Amino acid sequence: MFRRYGIMALLVIVPLWCYCEDSVRVIFNYNEGILKDVVVEGRVKEKRWLGVSFYPATFKDAMKEGYHLVQEINKGSFRAEFLIDNNILERYSSSYEIALWDKKVPCKNEDSYWCKTRGYTLEGLAFYQMGYFNTTWREK
């Protein structure tokens, strides 16, 4: 009898505490064809770092010419919302990158632009999405 119910209990309990992969969903919210915000939501198995970057139509150096946002994501379910104002849209309206990183570490290469401006680097890519925008972002 225990054998029958014990196995059933094990099968019911295990999925409640064990999730083995990070899951991420990206949502772009528009108002009358103009991007208003970017929402990144999901579930992570441990603390992560979320990076969201926007780029102009033409650029030579992604680090120097991009608009970069970084946010700490704690273990469990998360929802991060990035409001996009017209000043950002006017300059950075061509492409984007969204990445989830394992850890934030002190810089090893002090010569890099990112380290000079941020003082840290992100390591261990867990999720990555990039794309191009094909709609007008600017207010009419």
Foldseek 3Di string as FASTA:
>chain_A
DCVVVVVVVVVVPVVVPDDPAWDKDWDFDDDPQATFKIKIWTADQAKKKKKKKFAFPDDDDCVVGIDMDIDIDGHTIDMDMDTDDQVCCVGRQWKMKMWIADDKAADPDCPDPCCVVPRIDTHHTRDMDMDTDDTRHHDD
